[in-house]
Amino acid sequence: FRGKYNALMPNWLHLPVGYHGRASSVVTSGTPIHRPMGQLKPEEGDPVWGACKLLDFEIEMGYFIGPGNPLGQRVKIEEAEDQIFGLVLMNDWSARDIQKWEYVPLGPFCAKNFGTTISPWVVTLDALEPFRIKGYDQTNPKPLPYLQDDSKATYDITLSAAIKAKGMDEPSVISTTNFKYMYWTMKQQLTHHSSTGCNLRPGDLCASGTISGTEQSAYGSMLELTWRGSNPIKLSNGEERKFLQDGDVVIMAGYAQGDGYRIGFGECSGEVLPAIQ
């Protein structure tokens, strides 16, 4: 929706683009999230204050840091996996209209800080070992040496997002994707994060970014699924959605499927409550 030549920023294939968040509003599954208030910029005229109209979710995986590293000492790519304690599902709630106005030049701020939901179970890398797979080919362009890694560093984890609107008996699944679609691995993200000497501490929470596949049914946000609102999604009860409405419950699930067994993450859900004016 940004156009063929603006789909990716020039740095996107060279480094894991990211930003810093906050821990104060990271909540566990089942915690309701109020629609945020903020500055909105109409197509014409000055910015106004009001409730977010383009509320969205993002299907992500979060991972917790285990031992950490001293300030000033980088984590090398071959050591990065030893820093990862385990994974959770994550919904990185996003206020797209607030974000559109604020994010240039320093990235999202108030558009993200009102809530982030994680699932209740931390699944260790040991438990996910049977589902380890090779990631994307990164030979064109090739990352700088500190990010190069030929190991099987990603995982085959099926992910889904569903919406349960008011009055619905069962949620309507609107996206099914997979963790394997991430271009940059957790090892590369963590290595880049610490490349300046930034210290990681036990319990720090990192996130993958939106996980989207190549098909529309595998897109990881309403922004992509509805192509910025131009192609509404139809729910199983006949209602349509461009973005989330008050009363919608977003339910994310994830699992790694083995031969006769399944490793699950528990539910990652949250209800959208009206804005507090």
Protein backbone atom coordinates (compact mmCIF):
# COMPACT_ATOMS: atom_id res chain seq x y z
CA PHE A 1 0.00 0.00 0.00
CA ARG A 2 3.03 2.30 0.15
CA GLY A 3 3.68 1.65 -3.52
CA LYS A 4 6.13 -0.61 -5.33
CA TYR A 5 9.18 1.57 -4.76
CA ASN A 6 8.46 2.49 -1.12
CA ALA A 7 7.47 -0.94 0.20
CA LEU A 8 10.81 -1.30 2.00
CA MET A 9 13.10 1.41 3.30
CA PRO A 10 16.69 1.36 1.91
CA ASN A 11 18.12 -0.06 5.16
CA TRP A 12 15.59 -2.88 5.59
CA LEU A 13 17.65 -5.67 3.98
CA HIS A 14 20.84 -4.54 5.72
CA LEU A 15 19.86 -4.38 9.41
CA PRO A 16 17.01 -5.46 11.70
CA VAL A 17 15.09 -2.18 11.96
CA GLY A 18 13.65 -1.63 15.44
CA TYR A 19 12.85 0.82 18.20
CA HIS A 20 12.83 0.85 22.00
CA GLY A 21 9.61 0.35 23.95
CA ARG A 22 8.59 0.36 27.63
CA ALA A 23 7.76 -2.30 30.20
CA SER A 24 5.06 -0.44 32.14
CA SER A 25 2.16 -1.31 29.82
CA VAL A 26 3.14 -4.87 28.87
CA VAL A 27 0.20 -6.94 30.12
CA THR A 28 -0.74 -10.61 30.19
CA SER A 29 -3.47 -12.22 28.12
CA GLY A 30 -7.01 -11.29 29.14
CA THR A 31 -6.21 -7.71 30.16
CA PRO A 32 -8.53 -5.26 28.35
CA ILE A 33 -7.00 -2.36 26.41
CA HIS A 34 -8.60 1.08 26.20
CA ARG A 35 -8.70 2.73 22.80
CA PRO A 36 -6.03 5.44 23.04
CA MET A 37 -6.52 9.17 22.74
CA GLY A 38 -3.98 11.20 20.80
CA GLN A 39 -3.10 13.74 18.16
CA LEU A 40 -4.69 12.99 14.79
CA LYS A 41 -3.89 14.82 11.56
CA PRO A 42 -6.79 15.25 9.10
CA GLU A 43 -5.99 15.37 5.39
CA GLU A 44 -6.73 19.10 5.53
CA GLY A 45 -5.99 21.46 8.40
CA ASP A 46 -4.20 21.29 11.73
CA PRO A 47 -3.90 18.30 14.06
CA VAL A 48 -6.76 17.59 16.44
CA TRP A 49 -7.12 15.74 19.74
CA GLY A 50 -9.37 12.69 19.74
CA ALA A 51 -9.85 8.96 20.06
CA CYS A 52 -7.89 6.70 17.71
CA LYS A 53 -10.03 5.66 14.74
CA LEU A 54 -7.58 3.18 13.18
CA LEU A 55 -6.83 0.77 16.04
CA ASP A 56 -4.88 -2.30 14.97
CA PHE A 57 -3.11 -5.41 16.21
CA GLU A 58 0.21 -6.91 15.16
CA ILE A 59 0.97 -10.63 15.30
CA GLU A 60 4.40 -10.94 16.85
CA MET A 61 6.57 -13.25 18.92
CA GLY A 62 8.32 -11.93 22.00
CA TYR A 63 11.43 -13.40 23.57
CA PHE A 64 12.88 -12.92 27.04
CA ILE A 65 16.56 -12.39 27.76
CA GLY A 66 18.25 -14.84 30.10
CA PRO A 67 21.73 -13.98 31.44
CA GLY A 68 22.36 -10.64 29.71
CA ASN A 69 25.69 -8.96 28.93
CA PRO A 70 27.81 -6.27 30.64
CA LEU A 71 27.53 -2.67 29.48
CA GLY A 72 29.99 -2.00 26.67
CA GLN A 73 30.37 -5.65 25.60
CA ARG A 74 28.67 -6.78 22.41
CA VAL A 75 26.88 -10.11 22.05
CA LYS A 76 28.38 -11.95 19.07
CA ILE A 77 26.10 -13.78 16.64
CA GLU A 78 27.45 -17.19 17.67
CA GLU A 79 26.65 -16.40 21.32
CA ALA A 80 23.26 -14.76 20.79
CA GLU A 81 21.13 -17.87 21.23
CA ASP A 82 22.56 -18.42 24.71
CA GLN A 83 20.95 -15.13 25.69
CA ILE A 84 17.38 -16.20 24.81
CA PHE A 85 15.42 -17.74 27.67
CA GLY A 86 12.15 -18.40 25.85
CA LEU A 87 9.32 -17.16 23.65
CA VAL A 88 5.78 -15.83 24.07
CA LEU A 89 3.05 -14.70 21.71
CA MET A 90 2.72 -10.94 21.46
CA ASN A 91 0.08 -8.48 20.28
CA ASP A 92 1.77 -5.14 19.70
CA TRP A 93 -1.38 -2.99 19.65
CA SER A 94 -1.01 -0.03 17.29
CA ALA A 95 -2.85 3.24 16.75
CA ARG A 96 -2.27 3.78 13.05
CA ASP A 97 -3.66 7.31 12.76
CA ILE A 98 -1.68 8.52 15.78
CA GLN A 99 1.40 6.78 14.37
CA LYS A 100 1.01 8.35 10.92
CA TRP A 101 1.26 11.85 12.37
CA GLU A 102 3.98 11.28 14.98
CA TYR A 103 6.41 8.73 13.55
CA VAL A 104 8.52 11.00 11.31
CA PRO A 105 11.41 11.33 12.02
CA LEU A 106 11.93 9.26 15.19
CA GLY A 107 9.45 6.39 14.85
CA PRO A 108 6.35 5.36 16.82
CA PHE A 109 5.87 6.67 20.34
CA CYS A 110 2.34 7.20 21.69
CA ALA A 111 0.98 5.01 18.88
CA LYS A 112 2.46 1.97 20.65
CA ASN A 113 2.84 2.76 24.34
CA PHE A 114 -0.78 2.25 25.46
CA GLY A 115 -0.55 -1.53 25.63
CA THR A 116 1.28 -4.68 24.56
CA THR A 117 -0.23 -8.09 25.32
CA ILE A 118 1.75 -11.31 25.81
CA SER A 119 0.66 -14.92 26.29
CA PRO A 120 1.00 -16.57 29.74
CA TRP A 121 3.54 -19.31 28.99
CA VAL A 122 7.22 -18.79 28.26
CA VAL A 123 8.28 -21.63 25.94
CA THR A 124 12.00 -22.37 26.08
CA LEU A 125 14.26 -22.91 23.08
CA ASP A 126 14.90 -26.44 24.31
CA ALA A 127 11.19 -27.22 23.89
CA LEU A 128 11.26 -25.74 20.38
CA GLU A 129 14.43 -27.53 19.25
CA PRO A 130 12.57 -30.10 17.05
CA PHE A 131 11.02 -27.23 15.09
CA ARG A 132 14.23 -25.39 14.24
CA ILE A 133 14.54 -24.52 10.51
CA LYS A 134 16.66 -22.43 8.15
CA GLY A 135 15.52 -18.88 7.54
CA TYR A 136 15.48 -16.71 4.43
CA ASP A 137 18.33 -16.61 1.95
CA GLN A 138 20.31 -13.45 2.76
CA THR A 139 22.88 -13.51 -0.02
CA ASN A 140 21.49 -10.57 -1.99
CA PRO A 141 22.38 -8.36 -0.28
CA LYS A 142 24.62 -10.14 2.19
CA PRO A 143 24.53 -8.73 5.74
CA LEU A 144 27.63 -7.21 7.23
CA PRO A 145 29.91 -9.82 8.87
CA TYR A 146 28.64 -9.26 12.43
CA LEU A 147 25.11 -10.30 11.30
CA GLN A 148 26.04 -13.23 9.07
CA ASP A 149 24.71 -16.58 10.26
CA ASP A 150 24.24 -19.82 8.32
CA SER A 151 22.71 -21.83 11.15
CA LYS A 152 19.12 -23.02 11.48
CA ALA A 153 18.06 -20.05 13.54
CA THR A 154 14.29 -19.73 13.11
CA TYR A 155 11.34 -21.94 14.01
CA ASP A 156 8.26 -23.44 12.40
CA ILE A 157 5.53 -21.97 14.61
CA THR A 158 2.00 -21.59 13.26
CA LEU A 159 0.32 -18.36 14.37
CA SER A 160 -3.21 -17.03 14.01
CA ALA A 161 -5.31 -13.99 14.88
CA ALA A 162 -9.07 -13.95 15.35
CA ILE A 163 -11.69 -11.34 16.20
CA LYS A 164 -14.68 -12.04 18.43
CA ALA A 165 -17.12 -9.17 18.06
CA LYS A 166 -19.95 -8.45 20.48
CA GLY A 167 -22.65 -11.12 20.22
CA MET A 168 -20.48 -13.67 18.45
CA ASP A 169 -20.42 -17.19 19.90
CA GLU A 170 -17.13 -18.11 18.25
CA PRO A 171 -14.22 -15.94 17.11
CA SER A 172 -13.57 -15.43 13.40
CA VAL A 173 -10.02 -16.28 12.31
CA ILE A 174 -8.76 -13.55 9.98
CA SER A 175 -5.07 -14.41 9.66
CA THR A 176 -2.92 -17.55 9.75
CA THR A 177 0.82 -17.01 9.46
CA ASN A 178 4.10 -18.53 10.66
CA PHE A 179 7.14 -17.37 12.61
CA LYS A 180 9.36 -18.73 9.81
CA TYR A 181 8.37 -15.77 7.60
CA MET A 182 10.59 -13.39 9.57
CA TYR A 183 13.50 -12.14 7.44
CA TRP A 184 15.76 -11.37 10.42
CA THR A 185 16.17 -14.03 13.11
CA MET A 186 16.12 -13.49 16.86
CA LYS A 187 19.87 -14.08 16.91
CA GLN A 188 20.42 -11.30 14.39
CA GLN A 189 18.04 -8.92 16.14
CA LEU A 190 19.71 -9.47 19.50
CA THR A 191 23.21 -9.17 18.01
CA HIS A 192 22.31 -5.88 16.33
CA HIS A 193 20.63 -4.59 19.49
CA SER A 194 23.81 -5.11 21.50
CA SER A 195 26.20 -4.10 18.71
CA THR A 196 26.79 -0.67 20.26
CA GLY A 197 27.57 -2.22 23.64
CA CYS A 198 24.02 -1.91 24.94
CA ASN A 199 23.64 -4.16 27.96
CA LEU A 200 20.79 -6.69 28.07
CA ARG A 201 19.38 -7.68 31.46
CA PRO A 202 17.60 -10.82 32.64
CA GLY A 203 13.89 -10.48 31.89
CA ASP A 204 14.29 -7.89 29.11
CA LEU A 205 11.59 -8.45 26.49
CA CYS A 206 12.38 -8.20 22.78
CA ALA A 207 9.90 -8.59 19.94
CA SER A 208 10.04 -9.91 16.41
CA GLY A 209 8.05 -7.24 14.62
CA THR A 210 4.93 -7.97 12.57
CA ILE A 211 4.93 -11.51 11.19
CA SER A 212 3.41 -11.61 7.70
CA GLY A 213 3.54 -14.24 4.99
CA THR A 214 3.39 -13.77 1.24
CA GLU A 215 -0.36 -14.42 0.88
CA GLN A 216 -3.03 -11.96 2.02
CA SER A 217 -4.45 -14.55 4.43
CA ALA A 218 -1.05 -14.58 6.20
CA TYR A 219 -0.71 -10.84 6.75
CA GLY A 220 -0.09 -9.96 10.38
CA SER A 221 -2.08 -6.76 10.91
CA MET A 222 -5.34 -5.08 9.92
CA LEU A 223 -3.30 -2.46 8.09
CA GLU A 224 -2.07 -5.15 5.70
CA LEU A 225 -5.12 -7.43 5.73
CA THR A 226 -7.46 -4.61 4.68
CA TRP A 227 -4.82 -2.80 2.64
CA ARG A 228 -5.08 0.31 4.84
CA GLY A 229 -8.86 0.04 5.04
CA SER A 230 -9.56 -0.18 1.31
CA ASN A 231 -10.55 -3.87 1.42
CA PRO A 232 -12.63 -4.63 4.55
CA ILE A 233 -12.56 -8.06 6.18
CA LYS A 234 -15.84 -9.93 6.59
CA LEU A 235 -16.31 -11.72 9.89
CA SER A 236 -18.22 -15.00 10.26
CA ASN A 237 -21.31 -13.13 11.56
CA GLY A 238 -21.45 -10.95 8.43
CA GLU A 239 -19.95 -7.82 10.00
CA GLU A 240 -17.09 -6.04 8.26
CA ARG A 241 -13.94 -4.58 9.72
CA LYS A 242 -11.42 -2.09 8.37
CA PHE A 243 -9.86 -1.65 11.81
CA LEU A 244 -10.81 -2.74 15.33
CA GLN A 245 -14.02 -1.57 16.98
CA ASP A 246 -14.87 -1.16 20.66
CA GLY A 247 -15.96 -4.49 22.11
CA ASP A 248 -13.82 -6.54 19.72
CA VAL A 249 -11.73 -9.22 21.39
CA VAL A 250 -8.50 -10.01 19.53
CA ILE A 251 -7.38 -13.59 20.14
CA MET A 252 -3.96 -14.81 19.02
CA ALA A 253 -2.81 -18.41 19.19
CA GLY A 254 0.35 -20.27 18.28
CA TYR A 255 1.75 -23.76 18.26
CA ALA A 256 4.54 -25.92 16.91
CA GLN A 257 3.18 -29.20 15.54
CA GLY A 258 5.17 -32.38 16.09
CA ASP A 259 4.45 -36.00 15.22
CA GLY A 260 1.57 -36.78 17.53
CA TYR A 261 2.16 -33.84 19.86
CA ARG A 262 1.91 -30.06 19.90
CA ILE A 263 3.83 -27.34 21.75
CA GLY A 264 1.45 -24.48 22.54
CA PHE A 265 1.87 -20.98 23.91
CA GLY A 266 -1.52 -20.37 25.49
CA GLU A 267 -3.87 -17.64 24.37
CA CYS A 268 -2.89 -14.02 23.79
CA SER A 269 -6.13 -12.04 23.96
CA GLY A 270 -7.47 -8.65 24.84
CA GLU A 271 -10.76 -6.76 24.52
CA VAL A 272 -10.89 -3.25 23.08
CA LEU A 273 -12.58 -0.90 25.54
CA PRO A 274 -13.82 2.62 24.66
CA ALA A 275 -11.43 5.53 24.97
CA ILE A 276 -11.33 7.41 28.25
CA GLN A 277 -12.20 10.92 27.12
